[in-house]
Amino acid sequence: MYSLVLVLLVLFPVAAHANLLIGGDTVYIVQSGDTLERIGARFGVNWRSIATENNLDFRNYLQIGQELKINTRKIVPKFIDNGIIINIPDRTLYYFRNSTLEKTFPVGLGRPPAKGKRNWTTPHGPFSIVRKDKNPSWYVPLSIQQEMAEEGKPVQTIVPPGPDNPLGRFSLRTSIPAILIHETIWPGTVYQFRSHGCIRVLPEHMEDFFHEVELNTQGELIYNVAKIAVSDDGRIFLEIHNDIYGKISNLSRETESMIKNLGLSEQVNWQKVELMLRNKSGTAEDISL
């Protein structure tokens, strides 16, 4: 269920507005082959938050039939009439058609910066869909070939279609050089930062999305770390993510300033705000008094 909300954001590099709060509390029944990472990837929730919510020791195996409580609540970071919004910190794609949020699903994105390592971060900025490929071949970029060689792996230049192709069965080429939105053969890497910059999508989400999205669809990769929303019934929600690419100078100060500038200082539980800034769970939580 979607609820209308007033939303303001802490983000890099410019401010934006949106008006949807989506998701909520749900119960998932563990299936054969499930892991916390895979469940988190499916729902777009940090697997550590699932473990904490359910008092689980992540070192132990899940039991088939086990019930897990999962909070999938999110604040939509930006509302547009048509196109794609991908918010990097919350690793989520939002697809709009005719001023309606048509689809939303978790994605995997580029690795965070690391000293002495290549830069595989997913860039932010506008893009368009310039090509659609079914059963694509993967033409391995030179930078990834060099990484293969550095790591002592066999260097591949072209990977043909098939079960070993990292692009899966469907890929959408964006106007950003070397950045694809594609199906992944590694579902556990969705809702993670493990790619070489591309946007990885679970097979069950990518197939329908591939057929619906048209060439020249416009999109934008944005970087919203913290979001706040006031619902129709006056409840205040806050959503905090890790500043995975290190773009925010002081997230605590900026979040506190945002709340004060909105005139909400006397209506929020500041202890809950401080706890959320420490935990950075990535789900929207009620901070109302």
Protein backbone atom coordinates (compact mmCIF):
# COMPACT_ATOMS: atom_id res chain seq x y z
CA MET A 1 0.00 0.00 0.00
CA TYR A 2 1.25 3.46 -0.89
CA SER A 3 0.58 6.48 1.38
CA LEU A 4 0.85 10.12 0.41
CA VAL A 5 3.54 11.88 2.40
CA LEU A 6 5.52 15.10 2.48
CA VAL A 7 9.17 14.25 1.95
CA LEU A 8 12.42 16.20 2.25
CA LEU A 9 15.84 14.70 1.74
CA VAL A 10 19.47 14.92 2.80
CA LEU A 11 21.37 14.07 -0.33
CA PHE A 12 24.29 14.75 -2.64
CA PRO A 13 24.53 16.99 -4.54
CA VAL A 14 21.11 18.77 -4.69
CA ALA A 15 17.80 18.67 -2.82
CA ALA A 16 14.69 16.94 -4.11
CA HIS A 17 11.12 16.08 -3.14
CA ALA A 18 8.93 12.99 -3.38
CA ASN A 19 5.54 11.93 -2.06
CA LEU A 20 5.34 8.20 -1.49
CA LEU A 21 5.95 5.89 1.44
CA ILE A 22 5.97 2.26 0.32
CA GLY A 23 6.26 -1.20 1.86
CA GLY A 24 5.68 -2.14 5.47
CA ASP A 25 5.91 -5.03 7.91
CA THR A 26 5.68 -8.49 6.37
CA VAL A 27 6.33 -12.11 7.31
CA TYR A 28 8.44 -14.39 5.11
CA ILE A 29 8.51 -18.19 5.32
CA VAL A 30 12.02 -19.58 4.78
CA GLN A 31 12.33 -21.80 1.69
CA SER A 32 14.92 -24.38 0.68
CA GLY A 33 18.20 -22.73 -0.32
CA ASP A 34 17.45 -19.45 1.44
CA THR A 35 20.15 -17.46 3.18
CA LEU A 36 19.86 -14.15 4.98
CA GLU A 37 21.73 -12.46 2.11
CA ARG A 38 19.39 -13.88 -0.52
CA ILE A 39 16.29 -12.96 1.46
CA GLY A 40 17.67 -9.45 1.95
CA ALA A 41 18.36 -9.22 -1.79
CA ARG A 42 14.81 -10.30 -2.62
CA PHE A 43 13.17 -7.76 -0.31
CA GLY A 44 15.70 -4.94 -0.56
CA VAL A 45 16.50 -5.07 3.15
CA ASN A 46 19.85 -5.22 4.91
CA TRP A 47 20.28 -8.87 5.93
CA ARG A 48 21.82 -7.78 9.22
CA SER A 49 18.61 -5.90 10.02
CA ILE A 50 16.63 -9.09 9.35
CA ALA A 51 18.91 -10.98 11.74
CA THR A 52 18.55 -8.31 14.43
CA GLU A 53 14.76 -8.04 14.04
CA ASN A 54 14.41 -11.80 14.45
CA ASN A 55 17.10 -12.33 17.13
CA LEU A 56 19.10 -14.57 14.81
CA ASP A 57 22.74 -15.56 14.98
CA PHE A 58 23.86 -15.06 11.38
CA ARG A 59 26.35 -17.89 11.78
CA ASN A 60 23.53 -20.40 12.13
CA TYR A 61 21.58 -21.91 9.23
CA LEU A 62 17.99 -20.90 8.61
CA GLN A 63 15.33 -23.57 9.02
CA ILE A 64 12.85 -24.35 6.23
CA GLY A 65 9.42 -23.12 7.32
CA GLN A 66 10.89 -20.61 9.77
CA GLU A 67 8.96 -17.32 9.95
CA LEU A 68 10.91 -14.08 9.60
CA LYS A 69 9.56 -10.61 10.31
CA ILE A 70 10.80 -8.13 7.71
CA ASN A 71 10.30 -4.36 7.51
CA THR A 72 10.37 -3.28 3.85
CA ARG A 73 9.18 0.30 4.42
CA LYS A 74 10.93 2.91 2.26
CA ILE A 75 10.54 6.55 1.33
CA VAL A 76 10.54 7.10 -2.43
CA PRO A 77 13.46 9.51 -2.96
CA LYS A 78 12.18 11.36 -6.01
CA PHE A 79 8.91 11.45 -7.92
CA ILE A 80 8.86 11.84 -11.73
CA ASP A 81 6.21 11.42 -14.42
CA ASN A 82 8.03 8.81 -16.49
CA GLY A 83 11.39 7.08 -16.26
CA ILE A 84 13.82 5.43 -13.89
CA ILE A 85 15.25 6.63 -10.58
CA ILE A 86 18.02 4.59 -8.95
CA ASN A 87 19.07 5.73 -5.49
CA ILE A 88 22.60 4.51 -4.88
CA PRO A 89 22.67 4.38 -1.04
CA ASP A 90 19.38 2.49 -0.79
CA ARG A 91 20.24 0.21 -3.74
CA THR A 92 16.73 0.48 -5.14
CA LEU A 93 15.30 1.15 -8.61
CA TYR A 94 12.03 3.08 -8.95
CA TYR A 95 10.23 2.93 -12.31
CA PHE A 96 7.52 5.48 -13.11
CA ARG A 97 4.94 5.53 -15.89
CA ASN A 98 2.16 8.09 -16.34
CA SER A 99 2.95 9.74 -12.98
CA THR A 100 2.58 6.40 -11.19
CA LEU A 101 5.22 4.33 -9.42
CA GLU A 102 4.94 1.24 -11.62
CA LYS A 103 7.71 -0.93 -10.14
CA THR A 104 10.33 -0.84 -7.43
CA PHE A 105 12.97 -3.47 -6.72
CA PRO A 106 16.43 -3.86 -5.16
CA VAL A 107 19.59 -3.69 -7.25
CA GLY A 108 23.30 -4.39 -6.82
CA LEU A 109 25.76 -1.55 -7.44
CA GLY A 110 29.46 -0.73 -7.73
CA ARG A 111 32.04 -1.47 -5.07
CA PRO A 112 32.89 1.36 -2.67
CA PRO A 113 36.24 3.14 -2.97
CA ALA A 114 39.19 1.31 -1.45
CA LYS A 115 42.79 2.44 -1.07
CA GLY A 116 45.03 0.92 -3.71
CA LYS A 117 42.06 -0.47 -5.65
CA ARG A 118 40.43 0.52 -8.91
CA ASN A 119 37.42 2.80 -8.72
CA TRP A 120 34.32 0.69 -9.42
CA THR A 121 31.74 3.06 -7.92
CA THR A 122 28.47 3.50 -9.80
CA PRO A 123 28.34 7.10 -11.06
CA HIS A 124 25.44 9.42 -10.28
CA GLY A 125 23.74 11.56 -12.90
CA PRO A 126 21.16 11.44 -15.70
CA PHE A 127 21.06 8.72 -18.35
CA SER A 128 18.85 7.19 -21.01
CA ILE A 129 18.29 3.62 -22.23
CA VAL A 130 20.14 3.39 -25.54
CA ARG A 131 20.00 -0.35 -26.25
CA LYS A 132 18.12 -3.50 -25.22
CA ASP A 133 19.75 -6.93 -25.58
CA LYS A 134 18.21 -10.34 -25.03
CA ASN A 135 20.75 -13.12 -24.41
CA PRO A 136 23.65 -10.65 -24.70
CA SER A 137 27.31 -11.41 -25.10
CA TRP A 138 29.53 -9.72 -22.54
CA TYR A 139 32.36 -7.77 -24.13
CA VAL A 140 34.67 -7.54 -21.16
CA PRO A 141 35.96 -3.97 -20.62
CA LEU A 142 39.73 -3.56 -20.74
CA SER A 143 39.78 -2.40 -17.11
CA ILE A 144 38.15 -5.67 -15.99
CA GLN A 145 40.52 -7.67 -18.21
CA GLN A 146 43.41 -5.94 -16.45
CA GLU A 147 41.91 -6.78 -13.06
CA MET A 148 41.59 -10.44 -14.11
CA ALA A 149 45.27 -10.47 -15.03
CA GLU A 150 46.29 -8.74 -11.79
CA GLU A 151 44.38 -11.34 -9.77
CA GLY A 152 45.90 -14.23 -11.69
CA LYS A 153 42.60 -15.24 -13.31
CA PRO A 154 42.17 -16.30 -16.96
CA VAL A 155 41.63 -13.14 -19.02
CA GLN A 156 38.36 -13.19 -20.93
CA THR A 157 37.54 -10.77 -23.73
CA ILE A 158 34.09 -12.00 -24.74
CA VAL A 159 31.65 -14.17 -22.75
CA PRO A 160 28.94 -15.68 -25.00
CA PRO A 161 25.29 -16.00 -23.93
CA GLY A 162 24.63 -18.81 -21.48
CA PRO A 163 24.48 -19.71 -17.80
CA ASP A 164 28.02 -18.43 -17.13
CA ASN A 165 27.42 -14.97 -18.61
CA PRO A 166 27.32 -12.36 -15.80
CA LEU A 167 24.79 -10.30 -17.80
CA GLY A 168 22.20 -13.07 -17.64
CA ARG A 169 19.44 -13.13 -20.23
CA PHE A 170 18.58 -9.43 -20.38
CA SER A 171 20.57 -6.20 -20.39
CA LEU A 172 19.73 -2.53 -20.85
CA ARG A 173 22.60 -0.33 -21.98
CA THR A 174 22.56 3.17 -20.55
CA SER A 175 24.04 6.31 -22.04
CA ILE A 176 26.62 6.32 -19.22
CA PRO A 177 29.70 4.59 -20.68
CA ALA A 178 30.08 0.94 -19.60
CA ILE A 179 27.05 1.09 -17.26
CA LEU A 180 24.36 -1.54 -17.88
CA ILE A 181 21.19 -2.49 -16.03
CA HIS A 182 21.22 -6.25 -16.32
CA GLU A 183 20.06 -9.56 -14.93
CA THR A 184 22.62 -11.24 -12.68
CA ILE A 185 23.60 -14.88 -12.27
CA TRP A 186 24.75 -14.06 -8.73
CA PRO A 187 21.52 -13.25 -6.84
CA GLY A 188 23.34 -12.88 -3.53
CA THR A 189 25.08 -9.76 -4.86
CA VAL A 190 21.82 -7.86 -5.28
CA TYR A 191 21.27 -5.23 -2.60
CA GLN A 192 25.05 -5.26 -2.19
CA PHE A 193 27.91 -3.11 -3.51
CA ARG A 194 29.89 -5.75 -5.39
CA SER A 195 29.69 -4.92 -9.09
CA HIS A 196 32.15 -3.15 -11.38
CA GLY A 197 29.72 -0.23 -11.55
CA CYS A 198 26.82 -1.88 -13.38
CA ILE A 199 23.33 -2.25 -11.94
CA ARG A 200 22.51 -5.90 -11.15
CA VAL A 201 18.90 -7.10 -11.01
CA LEU A 202 17.34 -10.38 -9.85
CA PRO A 203 16.00 -12.58 -12.70
CA GLU A 204 12.42 -12.42 -11.40
CA HIS A 205 12.49 -8.62 -11.61
CA MET A 206 14.56 -8.11 -14.76
CA GLU A 207 12.47 -10.08 -17.25
CA ASP A 208 9.27 -8.04 -16.88
CA PHE A 209 11.20 -4.80 -16.52
CA PHE A 210 13.18 -5.50 -19.71
CA HIS A 211 10.01 -5.97 -21.76
CA GLU A 212 8.28 -2.91 -20.30
CA VAL A 213 11.07 -0.36 -20.63
CA GLU A 214 11.32 1.35 -24.02
CA LEU A 215 14.36 2.68 -25.81
CA ASN A 216 15.17 6.30 -24.92
CA THR A 217 13.55 5.98 -21.49
CA GLN A 218 15.11 8.66 -19.32
CA GLY A 219 16.61 7.92 -15.92
CA GLU A 220 18.78 9.29 -13.15
CA LEU A 221 21.18 7.81 -10.63
CA ILE A 222 20.93 9.85 -7.43
CA TYR A 223 22.65 9.77 -4.05
CA ASN A 224 20.17 10.21 -1.19
CA VAL A 225 21.53 8.99 2.15
CA ALA A 226 18.81 10.24 4.52
CA LYS A 227 15.12 10.85 3.90
CA ILE A 228 12.33 12.15 6.11
CA ALA A 229 8.59 11.94 5.52
CA VAL A 230 5.48 13.22 7.27
CA SER A 231 2.48 10.97 6.58
CA ASP A 232 -1.14 12.01 6.17
CA ASP A 233 -1.85 11.15 9.80
CA GLY A 234 1.09 13.25 11.03
CA ARG A 235 3.54 10.43 11.77
CA ILE A 236 7.19 11.27 11.03
CA PHE A 237 9.37 8.69 9.32
CA LEU A 238 13.14 8.72 8.90
CA GLU A 239 15.28 6.51 6.66
CA ILE A 240 19.07 6.40 7.01
CA HIS A 241 21.58 4.57 4.82
CA ASN A 242 25.34 4.18 4.92
CA ASP A 243 27.21 6.90 3.06
CA ILE A 244 28.86 4.09 1.12
CA TYR A 245 30.81 6.34 -1.27
CA GLY A 246 31.79 8.90 1.38
CA LYS A 247 30.05 11.92 -0.13
CA ILE A 248 28.43 13.41 3.01
CA SER A 249 30.66 15.46 5.31
CA ASN A 250 28.60 15.06 8.51
CA LEU A 251 25.42 12.99 8.20
CA SER A 252 24.35 13.46 11.82
CA ARG A 253 24.59 17.25 11.66
CA GLU A 254 22.80 17.44 8.32
CA THR A 255 19.99 15.13 9.46
CA GLU A 256 19.49 17.09 12.69
CA SER A 257 19.47 20.38 10.74
CA MET A 258 16.90 18.99 8.31
CA ILE A 259 14.55 18.02 11.13
CA LYS A 260 14.92 21.43 12.80
CA ASN A 261 14.45 23.34 9.54
CA LEU A 262 11.18 21.48 8.98
CA GLY A 263 9.95 22.63 12.37
CA LEU A 264 9.75 19.05 13.65
CA SER A 265 12.18 19.30 16.57
CA GLU A 266 9.46 19.09 19.22
CA GLN A 267 7.69 16.20 17.50
CA VAL A 268 10.47 13.64 17.14
CA ASN A 269 12.13 11.20 19.49
CA TRP A 270 15.74 12.37 19.35
CA GLN A 271 17.01 9.21 21.02
CA LYS A 272 15.44 7.21 18.18
CA VAL A 273 17.05 9.57 15.64
CA GLU A 274 20.47 9.07 17.23
CA LEU A 275 19.96 5.30 17.26
CA MET A 276 19.02 5.31 13.57
CA LEU A 277 22.08 7.39 12.72
CA ARG A 278 24.23 4.76 14.41
CA ASN A 279 22.48 1.72 12.95
CA LYS A 280 21.75 3.00 9.42
CA SER A 281 19.25 0.19 8.87
CA GLY A 282 18.06 1.48 5.49
CA THR A 283 14.38 1.11 6.35
CA ALA A 284 11.95 3.93 7.12
CA GLU A 285 11.14 4.00 10.83
CA ASP A 286 8.66 6.05 12.83
CA ILE A 287 10.50 8.67 14.91
CA SER A 288 7.40 10.45 16.18
CA LEU A 289 6.99 11.16 19.88
